[in-house]
N, C-alpha and C. Protein backbone atom coordinates (compact mmCIF):
# COMPACT_ATOMS: atom_id res chain seq x y z
N MET A 1 1.71 -9.77 1.65
CA MET A 1 2.90 -9.00 1.44
C MET A 1 2.65 -7.53 1.76
N LEU A 2 1.56 -6.98 1.24
CA LEU A 2 1.22 -5.59 1.51
C LEU A 2 0.98 -5.38 3.00
N LYS A 3 0.30 -6.32 3.61
CA LYS A 3 0.03 -6.24 5.04
C LYS A 3 1.33 -6.22 5.83
N GLY A 4 2.27 -7.07 5.47
CA GLY A 4 3.55 -7.11 6.15
C GLY A 4 4.30 -5.79 6.04
N ILE A 5 4.27 -5.19 4.87
CA ILE A 5 4.95 -3.90 4.68
C ILE A 5 4.27 -2.82 5.52
N LEU A 6 2.94 -2.82 5.51
CA LEU A 6 2.22 -1.81 6.29
C LEU A 6 2.53 -1.94 7.77
N VAL A 7 2.59 -3.16 8.26
CA VAL A 7 2.86 -3.38 9.69
C VAL A 7 4.33 -3.13 10.02
N ASP A 8 5.22 -3.78 9.28
CA ASP A 8 6.65 -3.73 9.62
C ASP A 8 7.33 -2.41 9.26
N ASP A 9 7.00 -1.86 8.12
CA ASP A 9 7.70 -0.67 7.65
C ASP A 9 6.99 0.63 8.00
N LEU A 10 5.67 0.60 8.00
CA LEU A 10 4.92 1.84 8.22
C LEU A 10 4.25 1.90 9.60
N GLN A 11 4.45 0.86 10.39
CA GLN A 11 3.94 0.80 11.75
C GLN A 11 2.42 0.95 11.85
N VAL A 12 1.71 0.38 10.88
CA VAL A 12 0.25 0.33 10.95
C VAL A 12 -0.10 -0.83 11.87
N ARG A 13 -1.09 -0.62 12.71
CA ARG A 13 -1.50 -1.69 13.63
C ARG A 13 -2.13 -2.83 12.84
N GLU A 14 -1.66 -4.03 13.10
CA GLU A 14 -2.12 -5.20 12.35
C GLU A 14 -3.63 -5.37 12.41
N GLU A 15 -4.22 -5.11 13.56
CA GLU A 15 -5.67 -5.29 13.71
C GLU A 15 -6.47 -4.26 12.91
N ASP A 16 -5.83 -3.20 12.46
CA ASP A 16 -6.51 -2.19 11.65
C ASP A 16 -6.53 -2.54 10.17
N ILE A 17 -5.73 -3.52 9.78
CA ILE A 17 -5.61 -3.87 8.37
C ILE A 17 -6.68 -4.87 7.98
N LEU A 18 -7.72 -4.33 7.36
CA LEU A 18 -8.83 -5.11 6.85
C LEU A 18 -9.03 -4.73 5.39
N PRO A 19 -9.51 -5.64 4.56
CA PRO A 19 -9.69 -5.30 3.14
C PRO A 19 -10.59 -4.09 2.93
N THR A 20 -11.56 -3.91 3.81
CA THR A 20 -12.50 -2.80 3.66
C THR A 20 -12.02 -1.50 4.30
N ALA A 21 -10.90 -1.55 4.99
CA ALA A 21 -10.38 -0.35 5.67
C ALA A 21 -9.94 0.68 4.63
N THR A 22 -10.21 1.92 4.92
CA THR A 22 -9.78 2.99 4.03
C THR A 22 -8.36 3.41 4.39
N ARG A 23 -7.74 4.15 3.49
CA ARG A 23 -6.40 4.67 3.77
C ARG A 23 -6.42 5.53 5.02
N GLU A 24 -7.46 6.32 5.17
CA GLU A 24 -7.56 7.20 6.33
C GLU A 24 -7.67 6.40 7.64
N GLU A 25 -8.40 5.30 7.59
CA GLU A 25 -8.58 4.48 8.79
C GLU A 25 -7.28 3.85 9.27
N VAL A 26 -6.36 3.61 8.37
CA VAL A 26 -5.07 3.03 8.78
C VAL A 26 -3.98 4.09 8.88
N GLY A 27 -4.34 5.35 8.64
CA GLY A 27 -3.38 6.44 8.79
C GLY A 27 -2.40 6.59 7.64
N LEU A 28 -2.83 6.20 6.45
CA LEU A 28 -1.95 6.29 5.29
C LEU A 28 -2.14 7.65 4.61
N ASP A 29 -1.37 8.61 5.05
CA ASP A 29 -1.43 9.95 4.46
C ASP A 29 -0.49 10.04 3.26
N SER A 30 -0.32 11.22 2.71
CA SER A 30 0.48 11.36 1.49
C SER A 30 1.94 11.00 1.72
N LEU A 31 2.49 11.33 2.87
CA LEU A 31 3.88 10.99 3.16
C LEU A 31 4.04 9.47 3.30
N ALA A 32 3.10 8.84 3.98
CA ALA A 32 3.15 7.38 4.12
C ALA A 32 2.96 6.69 2.78
N ALA A 33 2.14 7.26 1.90
CA ALA A 33 1.94 6.68 0.56
C ALA A 33 3.23 6.77 -0.24
N LEU A 34 3.95 7.85 -0.10
CA LEU A 34 5.24 7.99 -0.79
C LEU A 34 6.21 6.93 -0.29
N GLU A 35 6.27 6.75 1.01
CA GLU A 35 7.16 5.73 1.59
C GLU A 35 6.74 4.33 1.14
N LEU A 36 5.44 4.07 1.14
CA LEU A 36 4.95 2.76 0.72
C LEU A 36 5.30 2.50 -0.74
N ALA A 37 5.13 3.49 -1.60
CA ALA A 37 5.47 3.33 -3.02
C ALA A 37 6.95 3.00 -3.18
N GLU A 38 7.80 3.67 -2.43
CA GLU A 38 9.24 3.41 -2.52
C GLU A 38 9.58 2.00 -2.08
N VAL A 39 8.95 1.54 -1.00
CA VAL A 39 9.21 0.18 -0.51
C VAL A 39 8.71 -0.85 -1.52
N LEU A 40 7.52 -0.65 -2.05
CA LEU A 40 6.97 -1.58 -3.04
C LEU A 40 7.84 -1.64 -4.29
N ASN A 41 8.28 -0.49 -4.76
CA ASN A 41 9.13 -0.45 -5.95
C ASN A 41 10.44 -1.19 -5.71
N ALA A 42 11.04 -0.96 -4.55
CA ALA A 42 12.33 -1.58 -4.24
C ALA A 42 12.22 -3.09 -4.03
N ARG A 43 11.22 -3.51 -3.28
CA ARG A 43 11.11 -4.93 -2.93
C ARG A 43 10.52 -5.79 -4.04
N LEU A 44 9.58 -5.23 -4.78
CA LEU A 44 8.88 -6.04 -5.78
C LEU A 44 9.35 -5.78 -7.20
N GLY A 45 10.16 -4.76 -7.38
CA GLY A 45 10.64 -4.45 -8.71
C GLY A 45 9.54 -3.94 -9.63
N ILE A 46 8.54 -3.28 -9.04
CA ILE A 46 7.44 -2.74 -9.84
C ILE A 46 7.56 -1.22 -9.87
N ARG A 47 6.78 -0.62 -10.74
CA ARG A 47 6.74 0.84 -10.81
C ARG A 47 5.35 1.30 -10.42
N ILE A 48 5.25 1.86 -9.24
CA ILE A 48 3.98 2.37 -8.74
C ILE A 48 4.25 3.72 -8.08
N ARG A 49 3.40 4.66 -8.29
CA ARG A 49 3.57 6.01 -7.77
C ARG A 49 2.68 6.25 -6.56
N ASP A 50 3.11 7.16 -5.71
CA ASP A 50 2.34 7.46 -4.51
C ASP A 50 0.94 7.95 -4.84
N TYR A 51 0.79 8.75 -5.88
CA TYR A 51 -0.53 9.27 -6.22
C TYR A 51 -1.48 8.16 -6.67
N GLU A 52 -0.92 7.08 -7.24
CA GLU A 52 -1.76 5.95 -7.61
C GLU A 52 -2.29 5.25 -6.36
N LEU A 53 -1.45 5.13 -5.36
CA LEU A 53 -1.89 4.54 -4.09
C LEU A 53 -2.95 5.42 -3.44
N LEU A 54 -2.77 6.74 -3.53
CA LEU A 54 -3.73 7.67 -2.93
C LEU A 54 -5.06 7.69 -3.68
N ASP A 55 -5.06 7.25 -4.93
CA ASP A 55 -6.30 7.19 -5.71
C ASP A 55 -7.19 6.02 -5.29
N THR A 56 -6.63 5.06 -4.56
CA THR A 56 -7.43 3.93 -4.10
C THR A 56 -8.23 4.35 -2.87
N THR A 57 -9.34 3.66 -2.65
CA THR A 57 -10.20 3.99 -1.51
C THR A 57 -9.96 3.04 -0.35
N THR A 58 -9.86 1.75 -0.65
CA THR A 58 -9.69 0.74 0.40
C THR A 58 -8.37 0.00 0.23
N LEU A 59 -8.00 -0.72 1.28
CA LEU A 59 -6.78 -1.53 1.19
C LEU A 59 -6.94 -2.64 0.17
N ALA A 60 -8.15 -3.14 -0.02
CA ALA A 60 -8.38 -4.17 -1.04
C ALA A 60 -8.07 -3.61 -2.43
N GLU A 61 -8.50 -2.38 -2.71
CA GLU A 61 -8.20 -1.75 -3.99
C GLU A 61 -6.70 -1.55 -4.16
N MET A 62 -6.05 -1.17 -3.07
CA MET A 62 -4.61 -0.96 -3.11
C MET A 62 -3.90 -2.28 -3.39
N ALA A 63 -4.32 -3.34 -2.73
CA ALA A 63 -3.71 -4.65 -2.95
C ALA A 63 -3.93 -5.11 -4.38
N HIS A 64 -5.10 -4.83 -4.94
CA HIS A 64 -5.39 -5.19 -6.33
C HIS A 64 -4.46 -4.45 -7.29
N LEU A 65 -4.25 -3.17 -7.04
CA LEU A 65 -3.34 -2.37 -7.86
C LEU A 65 -1.93 -2.94 -7.81
N VAL A 66 -1.47 -3.26 -6.63
CA VAL A 66 -0.12 -3.81 -6.47
C VAL A 66 -0.02 -5.16 -7.18
N ALA A 67 -1.04 -6.00 -7.05
CA ALA A 67 -1.03 -7.31 -7.71
C ALA A 67 -0.99 -7.17 -9.23
N GLU A 68 -1.75 -6.22 -9.76
CA GLU A 68 -1.73 -5.98 -11.21
C GLU A 68 -0.34 -5.59 -11.69
N ARG A 69 0.29 -4.70 -10.95
CA ARG A 69 1.63 -4.25 -11.34
C ARG A 69 2.65 -5.37 -11.23
N LYS A 70 2.48 -6.19 -10.21
CA LYS A 70 3.41 -7.31 -10.02
C LYS A 70 3.29 -8.32 -11.15
N GLU A 71 2.07 -8.54 -11.65
CA GLU A 71 1.85 -9.47 -12.76
C GLU A 71 2.53 -8.98 -14.02
N ARG A 72 2.57 -7.67 -14.22
CA ARG A 72 3.17 -7.09 -15.42
C ARG A 72 4.70 -7.05 -15.36
N ALA A 73 5.23 -7.12 -14.14
CA ALA A 73 6.68 -6.98 -13.96
C ALA A 73 7.44 -8.20 -14.43
């Protein structure tokens, strides 16, 4: 799900999306993190902030954060 949003909504190249990839490696800057947070909140009905996404180091950590929030929702 996260991969689909990154590719479809944020135009991240699919081949760049690896669990070990960092936010910087996929081009996820602060503006993109804000957009990603908004999309995740709207589509999944969770509450996640852009700064929480920016606190993660890898996409795997980001996916774990999103999964935790989704479980609580």
